[in-house]
Amino acid sequence: MSRFFVPREAVRGNNITISGKEAHHILDVMRLKELDRVVAFDGTGREYVGFIKEAKEKFLSVEIVEIETRTPLGRERSAITLIQAIPKKDKMDYIIEKASELGVGSVIPVITKRTIPKWDEKKGARNVERWQKIAKEASKQCGRVTVPEIGIVRSFSDSLKDSSDYDLAIMAVLNDEAIRLRDALSGFKGGKIAIAVGPEGDFTTDEVKRAKEANFKLVNLGPRVLKSDTAGLALLAILKYEFSS
């Protein structure tokens, strides 16, 4: 069955009303029609199975026949936040898409000392809006019933202020003090995890010091140097393996 996202307010009783771009996509791109069975999710963990009751230009109504609350692909034992330094070009789009597929709970885009792109707040707001849309589309495609939250762009030092919210915080670095990821995870049974990934030139000595003061564990990811747009995804894949059951 075809699957799509609906905002929670679109669900009223046993009926879902969809209009605008999403309706256009369903009717004109996916070529669905009246009586076709569909699955919708609202990002809160609920899925709605039903059929298209009414279809017009840029408007459709779905009658719900079943509501299911579930966590896809097993029971998640950890909620992961990716603190990602914004890389150059459009690599952040790719990171958001793949991190969403890998089950990230939220992404905090950050500006570090060595971040290459020059950040403009007005343009940045549009970027965050685009990244949230990418997260929604990736969630729709991969079968998630929740959508990752994309935070506002902030400085790396500001992102460290929330460190007490996490049960485990790790920072991927090219540093002699870094320990193996296996050792950083030793004895940890699950919970709220933060992973911090730097820009193309890695974190500065001062940023590493600040992270250590905020109780981040410094970890290395093996003998190969991973690029900024690879490191976070590699960590997410490992953590998903470790803490999904």
C-alpha atoms as a PDB file:
ATOM      1  CA  MET A   1       0.000   0.000   0.000  1.00  0.00           C
ATOM      2  CA  SER A   2       1.082   3.562  -0.653  1.00  0.00           C
ATOM      3  CA  ARG A   3       2.320   5.451   2.415  1.00  0.00           C
ATOM      4  CA  PHE A   4       2.378   9.172   3.164  1.00  0.00           C
ATOM      5  CA  PHE A   5       2.679  11.717   5.972  1.00  0.00           C
ATOM      6  CA  VAL A   6      -0.200  13.756   7.387  1.00  0.00           C
ATOM      7  CA  PRO A   7      -0.092  16.422  10.122  1.00  0.00           C
ATOM      8  CA  ARG A   8      -1.861  15.398  13.338  1.00  0.00           C
ATOM      9  CA  GLU A   9      -4.513  18.095  12.904  1.00  0.00           C
ATOM     10  CA  ALA A  10      -5.574  16.520   9.578  1.00  0.00           C
ATOM     11  CA  VAL A  11      -6.929  13.508  11.464  1.00  0.00           C
ATOM     12  CA  ARG A  12     -10.506  13.945  12.711  1.00  0.00           C
ATOM     13  CA  GLY A  13     -12.237  10.872  14.092  1.00  0.00           C
ATOM     14  CA  ASN A  14     -12.111   8.215  11.388  1.00  0.00           C
ATOM     15  CA  ASN A  15     -11.381  10.675   8.603  1.00  0.00           C
ATOM     16  CA  ILE A  16      -8.216  12.294   7.223  1.00  0.00           C
ATOM     17  CA  THR A  17      -8.408  15.397   5.038  1.00  0.00           C
ATOM     18  CA  ILE A  18      -5.433  16.220   2.821  1.00  0.00           C
ATOM     19  CA  SER A  19      -4.971  19.219   0.549  1.00  0.00           C
ATOM     20  CA  GLY A  20      -2.275  21.247  -1.177  1.00  0.00           C
ATOM     21  CA  LYS A  21       1.067  19.796  -2.286  1.00  0.00           C
ATOM     22  CA  GLU A  22       0.656  16.480  -0.468  1.00  0.00           C
ATOM     23  CA  ALA A  23      -2.714  15.894  -2.143  1.00  0.00           C
ATOM     24  CA  HIS A  24      -1.187  16.816  -5.510  1.00  0.00           C
ATOM     25  CA  HIS A  25       1.614  14.303  -4.926  1.00  0.00           C
ATOM     26  CA  ILE A  26      -0.801  11.529  -3.957  1.00  0.00           C
ATOM     27  CA  LEU A  27      -3.231  12.088  -6.817  1.00  0.00           C
ATOM     28  CA  ASP A  28      -1.043  13.339  -9.669  1.00  0.00           C
ATOM     29  CA  VAL A  29       2.349  11.765  -8.946  1.00  0.00           C
ATOM     30  CA  MET A  30       1.417   8.530  -7.157  1.00  0.00           C
ATOM     31  CA  ARG A  31      -1.705   8.278  -9.357  1.00  0.00           C
ATOM     32  CA  LEU A  32      -3.956   7.064  -6.549  1.00  0.00           C
ATOM     33  CA  LYS A  33      -7.715   7.221  -6.905  1.00  0.00           C
ATOM     34  CA  GLU A  34     -10.927   6.668  -4.976  1.00  0.00           C
ATOM     35  CA  LEU A  35     -11.152   3.310  -3.121  1.00  0.00           C
ATOM     36  CA  ASP A  36      -7.375   2.771  -3.234  1.00  0.00           C
ATOM     37  CA  ARG A  37      -6.057   1.512   0.121  1.00  0.00           C
ATOM     38  CA  VAL A  38      -3.389   3.676   1.762  1.00  0.00           C
ATOM     39  CA  VAL A  39      -1.323   4.034   4.937  1.00  0.00           C
ATOM     40  CA  ALA A  40      -0.753   7.415   6.573  1.00  0.00           C
ATOM     41  CA  PHE A  41       1.398   8.353   9.582  1.00  0.00           C
ATOM     42  CA  ASP A  42       1.356  11.545  11.632  1.00  0.00           C
ATOM     43  CA  GLY A  43       4.833  11.510  13.193  1.00  0.00           C
ATOM     44  CA  THR A  44       3.610  10.623  16.695  1.00  0.00           C
ATOM     45  CA  GLY A  45       3.955   6.854  16.361  1.00  0.00           C
ATOM     46  CA  ARG A  46       0.514   6.252  14.888  1.00  0.00           C
ATOM     47  CA  GLU A  47      -0.299   4.768  11.503  1.00  0.00           C
ATOM     48  CA  TYR A  48      -3.695   4.929   9.851  1.00  0.00           C
ATOM     49  CA  VAL A  49      -4.824   2.301   7.377  1.00  0.00           C
ATOM     50  CA  GLY A  50      -7.764   3.237   5.202  1.00  0.00           C
ATOM     51  CA  PHE A  51      -9.006   3.954   1.710  1.00  0.00           C
ATOM     52  CA  ILE A  52      -9.501   7.099  -0.345  1.00  0.00           C
ATOM     53  CA  LYS A  53     -13.139   8.056   0.055  1.00  0.00           C
ATOM     54  CA  GLU A  54     -13.114  11.200  -2.065  1.00  0.00           C
ATOM     55  CA  ALA A  55     -10.591  12.603  -4.525  1.00  0.00           C
ATOM     56  CA  LYS A  56     -10.678  15.986  -6.249  1.00  0.00           C
ATOM     57  CA  GLU A  57      -8.064  18.357  -7.621  1.00  0.00           C
ATOM     58  CA  LYS A  58      -5.577  19.027  -4.771  1.00  0.00           C
ATOM     59  CA  PHE A  59      -7.991  17.574  -2.219  1.00  0.00           C
ATOM     60  CA  LEU A  60      -8.728  14.097  -0.936  1.00  0.00           C
ATOM     61  CA  SER A  61     -10.421  12.451   1.992  1.00  0.00           C
ATOM     62  CA  VAL A  62      -9.347   9.132   3.519  1.00  0.00           C
ATOM     63  CA  GLU A  63     -11.636   6.985   5.644  1.00  0.00           C
ATOM     64  CA  ILE A  64      -9.690   5.217   8.386  1.00  0.00           C
ATOM     65  CA  VAL A  65     -10.451   1.548   8.937  1.00  0.00           C
ATOM     66  CA  GLU A  66      -7.599   0.743  11.348  1.00  0.00           C
ATOM     67  CA  ILE A  67      -5.284   2.675  13.698  1.00  0.00           C
ATOM     68  CA  GLU A  68      -2.017   1.135  14.853  1.00  0.00           C
ATOM     69  CA  THR A  69       0.574   2.493  17.277  1.00  0.00           C
ATOM     70  CA  ARG A  70       3.958   0.949  16.710  1.00  0.00           C
ATOM     71  CA  THR A  71       7.722   1.337  16.696  1.00  0.00           C
ATOM     72  CA  PRO A  72       9.044   0.115  13.332  1.00  0.00           C
ATOM     73  CA  LEU A  73      11.851  -2.373  12.853  1.00  0.00           C
ATOM     74  CA  GLY A  74      12.047  -3.541  16.438  1.00  0.00           C
ATOM     75  CA  ARG A  75      12.048  -1.925  19.841  1.00  0.00           C
ATOM     76  CA  GLU A  76      14.409   1.028  20.048  1.00  0.00           C
ATOM     77  CA  ARG A  77      16.352   1.204  23.331  1.00  0.00           C
ATOM     78  CA  SER A  78      18.020   4.542  22.666  1.00  0.00           C
ATOM     79  CA  ALA A  79      17.079   7.983  21.374  1.00  0.00           C
ATOM     80  CA  ILE A  80      19.973   9.475  19.432  1.00  0.00           C
ATOM     81  CA  THR A  81      20.730  13.139  18.777  1.00  0.00           C
ATOM     82  CA  LEU A  82      23.252  13.939  16.059  1.00  0.00           C
ATOM     83  CA  ILE A  83      25.152  17.189  16.676  1.00  0.00           C
ATOM     84  CA  GLN A  84      26.493  17.792  13.176  1.00  0.00           C
ATOM     85  CA  ALA A  85      28.851  20.538  12.028  1.00  0.00           C
ATOM     86  CA  ILE A  86      27.471  21.892   8.759  1.00  0.00           C
ATOM     87  CA  PRO A  87      29.659  20.661   5.888  1.00  0.00           C
ATOM     88  CA  LYS A  88      30.249  22.432   2.609  1.00  0.00           C
ATOM     89  CA  LYS A  89      27.978  22.301  -0.444  1.00  0.00           C
ATOM     90  CA  ASP A  90      24.721  20.350  -0.063  1.00  0.00           C
ATOM     91  CA  LYS A  91      26.140  17.491   1.999  1.00  0.00           C
ATOM     92  CA  MET A  92      23.882  18.356   4.944  1.00  0.00           C
ATOM     93  CA  ASP A  93      20.876  17.362   2.821  1.00  0.00           C
ATOM     94  CA  TYR A  94      22.400  13.921   2.381  1.00  0.00           C
ATOM     95  CA  ILE A  95      23.245  13.619   6.078  1.00  0.00           C
ATOM     96  CA  ILE A  96      19.678  14.517   7.111  1.00  0.00           C
ATOM     97  CA  GLU A  97      18.172  12.020   4.676  1.00  0.00           C
ATOM     98  CA  LYS A  98      20.395   9.097   5.638  1.00  0.00           C
ATOM     99  CA  ALA A  99      20.353   9.884   9.376  1.00  0.00           C
ATOM    100  CA  SER A 100      16.550   9.796   9.205  1.00  0.00           C
ATOM    101  CA  GLU A 101      16.677   6.387   7.529  1.00  0.00           C
ATOM    102  CA  LEU A 102      19.064   5.161  10.225  1.00  0.00           C
ATOM    103  CA  GLY A 103      16.676   6.117  13.018  1.00  0.00           C
ATOM    104  CA  VAL A 104      18.096   9.362  14.414  1.00  0.00           C
ATOM    105  CA  GLY A 105      15.766  11.065  16.898  1.00  0.00           C
ATOM    106  CA  SER A 106      16.921  14.628  16.260  1.00  0.00           C
ATOM    107  CA  VAL A 107      19.644  16.563  14.464  1.00  0.00           C
ATOM    108  CA  ILE A 108      21.261  19.750  15.749  1.00  0.00           C
ATOM    109  CA  PRO A 109      23.136  21.589  12.965  1.00  0.00           C
ATOM    110  CA  VAL A 110      26.069  23.528  14.441  1.00  0.00           C
ATOM    111  CA  ILE A 111      28.637  26.100  13.430  1.00  0.00           C
ATOM    112  CA  THR A 112      32.165  25.344  14.615  1.00  0.00           C
ATOM    113  CA  LYS A 113      35.405  27.283  14.406  1.00  0.00           C
ATOM    114  CA  ARG A 114      36.431  25.448  11.232  1.00  0.00           C
ATOM    115  CA  THR A 115      33.007  25.271   9.558  1.00  0.00           C
ATOM    116  CA  ILE A 116      33.555  26.223   5.922  1.00  0.00           C
ATOM    117  CA  PRO A 117      30.148  27.598   4.770  1.00  0.00           C
ATOM    118  CA  LYS A 118      29.432  31.210   5.721  1.00  0.00           C
ATOM    119  CA  TRP A 119      26.149  31.163   7.600  1.00  0.00           C
ATOM    120  CA  ASP A 120      23.389  33.663   6.964  1.00  0.00           C
ATOM    121  CA  GLU A 121      20.500  33.538   9.469  1.00  0.00           C
ATOM    122  CA  LYS A 122      17.777  34.426   6.954  1.00  0.00           C
ATOM    123  CA  LYS A 123      19.011  31.867   4.465  1.00  0.00           C
ATOM    124  CA  GLY A 124      19.602  29.456   7.341  1.00  0.00           C
ATOM    125  CA  ALA A 125      15.945  29.440   8.361  1.00  0.00           C
ATOM    126  CA  ARG A 126      15.032  28.305   4.845  1.00  0.00           C
ATOM    127  CA  ASN A 127      17.681  25.592   5.026  1.00  0.00           C
ATOM    128  CA  VAL A 128      16.288  24.259   8.299  1.00  0.00           C
ATOM    129  CA  GLU A 129      12.803  24.211   6.768  1.00  0.00           C
ATOM    130  CA  ARG A 130      14.180  22.246   3.788  1.00  0.00           C
ATOM    131  CA  TRP A 131      16.027  19.824   6.071  1.00  0.00           C
ATOM    132  CA  GLN A 132      12.841  19.164   8.041  1.00  0.00           C
ATOM    133  CA  LYS A 133      11.047  18.403   4.775  1.00  0.00           C
ATOM    134  CA  ILE A 134      13.858  16.027   3.765  1.00  0.00           C
ATOM    135  CA  ALA A 135      13.540  14.268   7.141  1.00  0.00           C
ATOM    136  CA  LYS A 136       9.794  13.903   6.631  1.00  0.00           C
ATOM    137  CA  GLU A 137      10.182  12.467   3.131  1.00  0.00           C
ATOM    138  CA  ALA A 138      12.904  10.056   4.257  1.00  0.00           C
ATOM    139  CA  SER A 139      10.712   8.898   7.151  1.00  0.00           C
ATOM    140  CA  LYS A 140       7.829   8.316   4.763  1.00  0.00           C
ATOM    141  CA  GLN A 141      10.001   6.302   2.411  1.00  0.00           C
ATOM    142  CA  CYS A 142      11.743   4.096   4.983  1.00  0.00           C
ATOM    143  CA  GLY A 143       8.716   3.128   7.074  1.00  0.00           C
ATOM    144  CA  ARG A 144       9.248   5.258  10.172  1.00  0.00           C
ATOM    145  CA  VAL A 145       6.223   6.353  12.175  1.00  0.00           C
ATOM    146  CA  THR A 146       8.065   9.312  13.724  1.00  0.00           C
ATOM    147  CA  VAL A 147       9.884  12.188  12.023  1.00  0.00           C
ATOM    148  CA  PRO A 148      13.267  13.407  13.332  1.00  0.00           C
ATOM    149  CA  GLU A 149      13.300  16.927  14.715  1.00  0.00           C
ATOM    150  CA  ILE A 150      15.751  19.260  12.974  1.00  0.00           C
ATOM    151  CA  GLY A 151      16.877  21.912  15.448  1.00  0.00           C
ATOM    152  CA  ILE A 152      17.755  25.502  14.742  1.00  0.00           C
ATOM    153  CA  VAL A 153      21.332  26.193  13.718  1.00  0.00           C
ATOM    154  CA  ARG A 154      23.443  27.149  16.729  1.00  0.00           C
ATOM    155  CA  SER A 155      27.062  27.450  17.730  1.00  0.00           C
ATOM    156  CA  PHE A 156      28.790  24.290  18.886  1.00  0.00           C
ATOM    157  CA  SER A 157      29.361  25.772  22.347  1.00  0.00           C
ATOM    158  CA  ASP A 158      25.615  26.453  22.666  1.00  0.00           C
ATOM    159  CA  SER A 159      24.828  22.823  21.795  1.00  0.00           C
ATOM    160  CA  LEU A 160      26.993  21.678  24.722  1.00  0.00           C
ATOM    161  CA  LYS A 161      24.692  23.427  27.205  1.00  0.00           C
ATOM    162  CA  ASP A 162      22.229  20.535  26.848  1.00  0.00           C
ATOM    163  CA  SER A 163      24.824  17.860  27.667  1.00  0.00           C
ATOM    164  CA  SER A 164      23.205  17.029  31.013  1.00  0.00           C
ATOM    165  CA  ASP A 165      20.106  15.846  29.099  1.00  0.00           C
ATOM    166  CA  TYR A 166      21.987  12.832  27.711  1.00  0.00           C
ATOM    167  CA  ASP A 167      22.806   9.512  29.342  1.00  0.00           C
ATOM    168  CA  LEU A 168      25.805   9.153  27.048  1.00  0.00           C
ATOM    169  CA  ALA A 169      27.588  11.782  24.952  1.00  0.00           C
ATOM    170  CA  ILE A 170      30.358  10.917  22.512  1.00  0.00           C
ATOM    171  CA  MET A 171      32.485  13.021  20.201  1.00  0.00           C
ATOM    172  CA  ALA A 172      34.228  11.651  17.122  1.00  0.00           C
ATOM    173  CA  VAL A 173      37.718  13.163  16.942  1.00  0.00           C
ATOM    174  CA  LEU A 174      41.175  12.696  15.474  1.00  0.00           C
ATOM    175  CA  ASN A 175      42.862  12.956  18.852  1.00  0.00           C
ATOM    176  CA  ASP A 176      45.425  10.885  20.749  1.00  0.00           C
ATOM    177  CA  GLU A 177      43.142  10.904  23.801  1.00  0.00           C
ATOM    178  CA  ALA A 178      40.286   9.256  21.909  1.00  0.00           C
ATOM    179  CA  ILE A 179      39.240   5.780  22.968  1.00  0.00           C
ATOM    180  CA  ARG A 180      37.655   2.997  20.969  1.00  0.00           C
ATOM    181  CA  LEU A 181      33.909   3.312  20.457  1.00  0.00           C
ATOM    182  CA  ARG A 182      33.540  -0.191  21.912  1.00  0.00           C
ATOM    183  CA  ASP A 183      35.096   1.027  25.166  1.00  0.00           C
ATOM    184  CA  ALA A 184      32.912   4.147  25.254  1.00  0.00           C
ATOM    185  CA  LEU A 185      29.800   1.941  25.010  1.00  0.00           C
ATOM    186  CA  SER A 186      30.990  -0.609  27.577  1.00  0.00           C
ATOM    187  CA  GLY A 187      28.348  -1.098  30.269  1.00  0.00           C
ATOM    188  CA  PHE A 188      25.846   1.264  28.640  1.00  0.00           C
ATOM    189  CA  LYS A 189      22.422  -0.353  28.350  1.00  0.00           C
ATOM    190  CA  GLY A 190      20.561   2.334  26.425  1.00  0.00           C
ATOM    191  CA  GLY A 191      19.057   5.766  26.902  1.00  0.00           C
ATOM    192  CA  LYS A 192      19.494   9.228  25.436  1.00  0.00           C
ATOM    193  CA  ILE A 193      22.663   9.482  23.357  1.00  0.00           C
ATOM    194  CA  ALA A 194      24.353  12.490  21.765  1.00  0.00           C
ATOM    195  CA  ILE A 195      26.988  12.099  19.060  1.00  0.00           C
ATOM    196  CA  ALA A 196      29.024  15.107  17.947  1.00  0.00           C
ATOM    197  CA  VAL A 197      30.666  15.209  14.523  1.00  0.00           C
ATOM    198  CA  GLY A 198      32.958  18.017  13.425  1.00  0.00           C
ATOM    199  CA  PRO A 199      33.565  19.794  10.112  1.00  0.00           C
ATOM    200  CA  GLU A 200      36.017  18.928   7.355  1.00  0.00           C
ATOM    201  CA  GLY A 201      38.962  20.214   9.435  1.00  0.00           C
ATOM    202  CA  ASP A 202      37.842  18.469  12.654  1.00  0.00           C
ATOM    203  CA  PHE A 203      37.128  20.178  15.965  1.00  0.00           C
ATOM    204  CA  THR A 204      39.648  22.641  17.400  1.00  0.00           C
ATOM    205  CA  THR A 205      41.616  21.909  20.568  1.00  0.00           C
ATOM    206  CA  ASP A 206      39.430  24.380  22.472  1.00  0.00           C
ATOM    207  CA  GLU A 207      36.195  22.756  21.212  1.00  0.00           C
ATOM    208  CA  VAL A 208      37.452  19.342  22.283  1.00  0.00           C
ATOM    209  CA  LYS A 209      38.320  20.755  25.709  1.00  0.00           C
ATOM    210  CA  ARG A 210      34.845  22.277  26.094  1.00  0.00           C
ATOM    211  CA  ALA A 211      33.214  19.005  25.067  1.00  0.00           C
ATOM    212  CA  LYS A 212      35.265  17.058  27.628  1.00  0.00           C
ATOM    213  CA  GLU A 213      34.189  19.549  30.299  1.00  0.00           C
ATOM    214  CA  ALA A 214      30.595  18.817  29.258  1.00  0.00           C
ATOM    215  CA  ASN A 215      31.241  15.085  29.851  1.00  0.00           C
ATOM    216  CA  PHE A 216      31.564  14.041  26.218  1.00  0.00           C
ATOM    217  CA  LYS A 217      33.680  10.930  25.670  1.00  0.00           C
ATOM    218  CA  LEU A 218      36.245  11.281  22.901  1.00  0.00           C
ATOM    219  CA  VAL A 219      36.143   8.364  20.478  1.00  0.00           C
ATOM    220  CA  ASN A 220      37.984   7.344  17.348  1.00  0.00           C
ATOM    221  CA  LEU A 221      36.303   5.459  14.536  1.00  0.00           C
ATOM    222  CA  GLY A 222      39.156   3.199  13.562  1.00  0.00           C
ATOM    223  CA  PRO A 223      42.313   3.548  11.478  1.00  0.00           C
ATOM    224  CA  ARG A 224      40.669   5.306   8.535  1.00  0.00           C
ATOM    225  CA  VAL A 225      39.840   9.003   8.560  1.00  0.00           C
ATOM    226  CA  LEU A 226      36.135   9.376   7.807  1.00  0.00           C
ATOM    227  CA  LYS A 227      34.765  12.509   6.173  1.00  0.00           C
ATOM    228  CA  SER A 228      32.335  14.728   8.049  1.00  0.00           C
ATOM    229  CA  ASP A 229      29.383  13.453   6.035  1.00  0.00           C
ATOM    230  CA  THR A 230      30.362   9.820   6.695  1.00  0.00           C
ATOM    231  CA  ALA A 231      31.366   9.780  10.374  1.00  0.00           C
ATOM    232  CA  GLY A 232      27.961  10.545  11.871  1.00  0.00           C
ATOM    233  CA  LEU A 233      26.196   8.023   9.646  1.00  0.00           C
ATOM    234  CA  ALA A 234      28.744   5.341  10.562  1.00  0.00           C
ATOM    235  CA  LEU A 235      28.135   6.037  14.258  1.00  0.00           C
ATOM    236  CA  LEU A 236      24.372   5.911  13.791  1.00  0.00           C
ATOM    237  CA  ALA A 237      24.577   2.566  12.020  1.00  0.00           C
ATOM    238  CA  ILE A 238      26.705   1.099  14.809  1.00  0.00           C
ATOM    239  CA  LEU A 239      24.452   2.442  17.554  1.00  0.00           C
ATOM    240  CA  LYS A 240      21.354   1.210  15.755  1.00  0.00           C
ATOM    241  CA  TYR A 241      22.861  -2.264  15.674  1.00  0.00           C
ATOM    242  CA  GLU A 242      23.814  -2.088  19.351  1.00  0.00           C
ATOM    243  CA  PHE A 243      20.565  -0.721  20.745  1.00  0.00           C
ATOM    244  CA  SER A 244      17.795  -2.113  18.541  1.00  0.00           C
ATOM    245  CA  SER A 245      16.180  -5.388  19.434  1.00  0.00           C
END
